[in-house]
Amino acid sequence: MPWLDANHADSAPPKAINLAEKLSLFTDHWSPKVIAAFNGHDVMLVKVQGEFVWHSHPDTDDFFLVLKGQLTIRQRDGDVILNAGDLHIVPKGVEHCTVAADEAHLLLIEPRGTPNTGDPATAAVNHPI
């Protein structure tokens, strides 16, 4: 997929990425799907429901943009509640746990290869769609 290759020399005309179309391609939760890449970062969509594990990222901030639903980001010093259209960045090293009572859809931006649990051994594999 040329859009994942930062060094591609593609002659095809630019094409918009439709988020609703991409979201319709999967149903699983807590498994980010890469939809684009830029400057060594992955742009991902993920569907979430329930509670994720407490974790932190020692080397990078964690970007969350809620597209649909509501997400609570629990942090040791207080919760951040995000609704559709809200974003929050968890600073690197800050332990957090994401929770969605009902299904929520998120857009994430992370440096390529960042494990979603903070630990490569337990992280979901990011698949391009």
C-alpha atoms as a PDB file:
ATOM      1  CA  MET A   1       0.000   0.000   0.000  1.00  0.00           C
ATOM      2  CA  PRO A   2       1.830   3.087  -1.203  1.00  0.00           C
ATOM      3  CA  TRP A   3       0.231   5.426   1.358  1.00  0.00           C
ATOM      4  CA  LEU A   4       2.101   3.534   4.091  1.00  0.00           C
ATOM      5  CA  ASP A   5       5.468   4.050   2.410  1.00  0.00           C
ATOM      6  CA  ALA A   6       6.869   7.462   3.308  1.00  0.00           C
ATOM      7  CA  ASN A   7       9.352   7.224   0.427  1.00  0.00           C
ATOM      8  CA  HIS A   8       6.881   6.289  -2.315  1.00  0.00           C
ATOM      9  CA  ALA A   9       6.867   8.050  -5.654  1.00  0.00           C
ATOM     10  CA  ASP A  10       3.271   7.346  -6.564  1.00  0.00           C
ATOM     11  CA  SER A  11       1.837   8.976  -9.684  1.00  0.00           C
ATOM     12  CA  ALA A  12      -1.808   8.266  -8.785  1.00  0.00           C
ATOM     13  CA  PRO A  13      -3.929  11.335  -8.042  1.00  0.00           C
ATOM     14  CA  PRO A  14      -4.506  12.154  -4.374  1.00  0.00           C
ATOM     15  CA  LYS A  15      -7.507  10.455  -2.801  1.00  0.00           C
ATOM     16  CA  ALA A  16      -9.418  11.331   0.345  1.00  0.00           C
ATOM     17  CA  ILE A  17      -9.651   8.716   3.098  1.00  0.00           C
ATOM     18  CA  ASN A  18     -13.252   8.283   4.178  1.00  0.00           C
ATOM     19  CA  LEU A  19     -13.283   7.502   7.910  1.00  0.00           C
ATOM     20  CA  ALA A  20     -16.827   6.077   7.943  1.00  0.00           C
ATOM     21  CA  GLU A  21     -15.939   3.731   5.096  1.00  0.00           C
ATOM     22  CA  LYS A  22     -12.810   2.539   6.888  1.00  0.00           C
ATOM     23  CA  LEU A  23     -14.720   2.071  10.159  1.00  0.00           C
ATOM     24  CA  SER A  24     -17.281  -0.097   8.349  1.00  0.00           C
ATOM     25  CA  LEU A  25     -14.534  -2.592   7.448  1.00  0.00           C
ATOM     26  CA  PHE A  26     -14.075  -3.986  10.967  1.00  0.00           C
ATOM     27  CA  THR A  27     -15.987  -4.778  14.160  1.00  0.00           C
ATOM     28  CA  ASP A  28     -13.319  -5.845  16.656  1.00  0.00           C
ATOM     29  CA  HIS A  29     -12.506  -3.701  19.690  1.00  0.00           C
ATOM     30  CA  TRP A  30      -9.152  -2.436  20.969  1.00  0.00           C
ATOM     31  CA  SER A  31      -7.363  -3.379  17.736  1.00  0.00           C
ATOM     32  CA  PRO A  32      -6.134  -0.237  15.918  1.00  0.00           C
ATOM     33  CA  LYS A  33      -6.239  -0.213  12.110  1.00  0.00           C
ATOM     34  CA  VAL A  34      -3.695   1.904  10.223  1.00  0.00           C
ATOM     35  CA  ILE A  35      -5.381   4.089   7.600  1.00  0.00           C
ATOM     36  CA  ALA A  36      -2.468   6.390   6.694  1.00  0.00           C
ATOM     37  CA  ALA A  37       1.091   7.288   7.613  1.00  0.00           C
ATOM     38  CA  PHE A  38       3.106  10.501   7.645  1.00  0.00           C
ATOM     39  CA  ASN A  39       6.498  11.587   8.993  1.00  0.00           C
ATOM     40  CA  GLY A  40       7.044   8.246  10.719  1.00  0.00           C
ATOM     41  CA  HIS A  41       3.601   8.308  12.373  1.00  0.00           C
ATOM     42  CA  ASP A  42       0.614   6.009  11.925  1.00  0.00           C
ATOM     43  CA  VAL A  43      -2.907   7.416  11.679  1.00  0.00           C
ATOM     44  CA  MET A  44      -5.246   4.759  13.039  1.00  0.00           C
ATOM     45  CA  LEU A  45      -8.894   4.063  13.666  1.00  0.00           C
ATOM     46  CA  VAL A  46     -10.048   1.912  16.544  1.00  0.00           C
ATOM     47  CA  LYS A  47     -13.370   0.824  17.986  1.00  0.00           C
ATOM     48  CA  VAL A  48     -13.439   0.521  21.755  1.00  0.00           C
ATOM     49  CA  GLN A  49     -15.876  -0.779  24.334  1.00  0.00           C
ATOM     50  CA  GLY A  50     -15.354  -1.743  27.942  1.00  0.00           C
ATOM     51  CA  GLU A  51     -12.124  -1.107  29.821  1.00  0.00           C
ATOM     52  CA  PHE A  52      -8.577  -1.276  28.486  1.00  0.00           C
ATOM     53  CA  VAL A  53      -5.537  -2.080  30.638  1.00  0.00           C
ATOM     54  CA  TRP A  54      -3.679   0.499  32.726  1.00  0.00           C
ATOM     55  CA  HIS A  55      -0.481   1.371  30.882  1.00  0.00           C
ATOM     56  CA  SER A  56       1.910   4.152  29.920  1.00  0.00           C
ATOM     57  CA  HIS A  57       4.168   5.010  27.022  1.00  0.00           C
ATOM     58  CA  PRO A  58       7.663   5.975  28.236  1.00  0.00           C
ATOM     59  CA  ASP A  59       8.802   7.525  24.942  1.00  0.00           C
ATOM     60  CA  THR A  60       5.748   9.161  23.377  1.00  0.00           C
ATOM     61  CA  ASP A  61       2.592  11.114  24.107  1.00  0.00           C
ATOM     62  CA  ASP A  62      -0.747   9.367  23.415  1.00  0.00           C
ATOM     63  CA  PHE A  63      -3.195  11.195  21.088  1.00  0.00           C
ATOM     64  CA  PHE A  64      -6.954  10.469  21.258  1.00  0.00           C
ATOM     65  CA  LEU A  65      -9.679  12.038  19.086  1.00  0.00           C
ATOM     66  CA  VAL A  66     -13.217  10.754  19.651  1.00  0.00           C
ATOM     67  CA  LEU A  67     -15.196  10.442  16.416  1.00  0.00           C
ATOM     68  CA  LYS A  68     -18.289   8.790  17.894  1.00  0.00           C
ATOM     69  CA  GLY A  69     -19.457   8.015  21.421  1.00  0.00           C
ATOM     70  CA  GLN A  70     -17.784   8.841  24.696  1.00  0.00           C
ATOM     71  CA  LEU A  71     -14.393   7.858  26.111  1.00  0.00           C
ATOM     72  CA  THR A  72     -13.124   8.243  29.651  1.00  0.00           C
ATOM     73  CA  ILE A  73      -9.365   8.404  30.060  1.00  0.00           C
ATOM     74  CA  ARG A  74      -8.572   7.489  33.636  1.00  0.00           C
ATOM     75  CA  GLN A  75      -5.346   8.924  35.006  1.00  0.00           C
ATOM     76  CA  ARG A  76      -4.020   8.670  38.543  1.00  0.00           C
ATOM     77  CA  ASP A  77      -4.650  12.395  39.082  1.00  0.00           C
ATOM     78  CA  GLY A  78      -8.179  12.458  37.588  1.00  0.00           C
ATOM     79  CA  ASP A  79     -10.371  11.395  34.703  1.00  0.00           C
ATOM     80  CA  VAL A  80     -10.758  13.136  31.357  1.00  0.00           C
ATOM     81  CA  ILE A  81     -14.123  12.593  29.643  1.00  0.00           C
ATOM     82  CA  LEU A  82     -14.188  12.982  25.874  1.00  0.00           C
ATOM     83  CA  ASN A  83     -17.261  13.192  23.648  1.00  0.00           C
ATOM     84  CA  ALA A  84     -17.449  13.123  19.844  1.00  0.00           C
ATOM     85  CA  GLY A  85     -15.238  15.915  18.515  1.00  0.00           C
ATOM     86  CA  ASP A  86     -13.059  16.095  21.655  1.00  0.00           C
ATOM     87  CA  LEU A  87      -9.383  15.257  21.788  1.00  0.00           C
ATOM     88  CA  HIS A  88      -6.883  14.725  24.556  1.00  0.00           C
ATOM     89  CA  ILE A  89      -3.171  14.029  24.643  1.00  0.00           C
ATOM     90  CA  VAL A  90      -1.831  11.924  27.505  1.00  0.00           C
ATOM     91  CA  PRO A  91       1.776  13.016  28.145  1.00  0.00           C
ATOM     92  CA  LYS A  92       4.496  10.394  27.806  1.00  0.00           C
ATOM     93  CA  GLY A  93       5.075   8.391  30.956  1.00  0.00           C
ATOM     94  CA  VAL A  94       1.605   9.111  32.405  1.00  0.00           C
ATOM     95  CA  GLU A  95      -0.216   5.934  33.376  1.00  0.00           C
ATOM     96  CA  HIS A  96      -3.742   5.792  31.974  1.00  0.00           C
ATOM     97  CA  CYS A  97      -6.673   3.471  31.297  1.00  0.00           C
ATOM     98  CA  THR A  98      -9.300   4.092  28.624  1.00  0.00           C
ATOM     99  CA  VAL A  99     -12.937   3.158  29.221  1.00  0.00           C
ATOM    100  CA  ALA A 100     -16.031   3.273  27.003  1.00  0.00           C
ATOM    101  CA  ALA A 101     -19.356   2.129  28.468  1.00  0.00           C
ATOM    102  CA  ASP A 102     -20.791   1.902  24.943  1.00  0.00           C
ATOM    103  CA  GLU A 103     -18.896   1.466  21.684  1.00  0.00           C
ATOM    104  CA  ALA A 104     -16.848   4.505  20.734  1.00  0.00           C
ATOM    105  CA  HIS A 105     -14.805   5.215  17.599  1.00  0.00           C
ATOM    106  CA  LEU A 106     -11.423   6.913  17.896  1.00  0.00           C
ATOM    107  CA  LEU A 107      -8.737   8.342  15.670  1.00  0.00           C
ATOM    108  CA  LEU A 108      -5.224   7.818  17.029  1.00  0.00           C
ATOM    109  CA  ILE A 109      -1.896   9.221  15.863  1.00  0.00           C
ATOM    110  CA  GLU A 110       1.282   7.567  17.139  1.00  0.00           C
ATOM    111  CA  PRO A 111       4.880   7.091  16.079  1.00  0.00           C
ATOM    112  CA  ARG A 112       5.019   3.964  13.897  1.00  0.00           C
ATOM    113  CA  GLY A 113       5.413   0.830  15.979  1.00  0.00           C
ATOM    114  CA  THR A 114       4.154   2.261  19.290  1.00  0.00           C
ATOM    115  CA  PRO A 115       2.578  -0.641  21.236  1.00  0.00           C
ATOM    116  CA  ASN A 116      -0.976   0.209  22.345  1.00  0.00           C
ATOM    117  CA  THR A 117      -0.371  -1.314  25.790  1.00  0.00           C
ATOM    118  CA  GLY A 118       3.041   0.289  26.220  1.00  0.00           C
ATOM    119  CA  ASP A 119       4.540  -3.225  26.065  1.00  0.00           C
ATOM    120  CA  PRO A 120       5.309  -4.914  22.709  1.00  0.00           C
ATOM    121  CA  ALA A 121       4.717  -8.350  24.260  1.00  0.00           C
ATOM    122  CA  THR A 122       1.034  -7.609  25.030  1.00  0.00           C
ATOM    123  CA  ALA A 123       0.146  -5.059  22.344  1.00  0.00           C
ATOM    124  CA  ALA A 124      -2.339  -5.558  19.523  1.00  0.00           C
ATOM    125  CA  VAL A 125      -0.760  -5.722  16.096  1.00  0.00           C
ATOM    126  CA  ASN A 126      -1.630  -2.673  13.980  1.00  0.00           C
ATOM    127  CA  HIS A 127      -3.069  -3.836  10.661  1.00  0.00           C
ATOM    128  CA  PRO A 128      -3.450  -1.558   7.648  1.00  0.00           C
ATOM    129  CA  ILE A 129      -6.904  -1.346   6.062  1.00  0.00           C
END
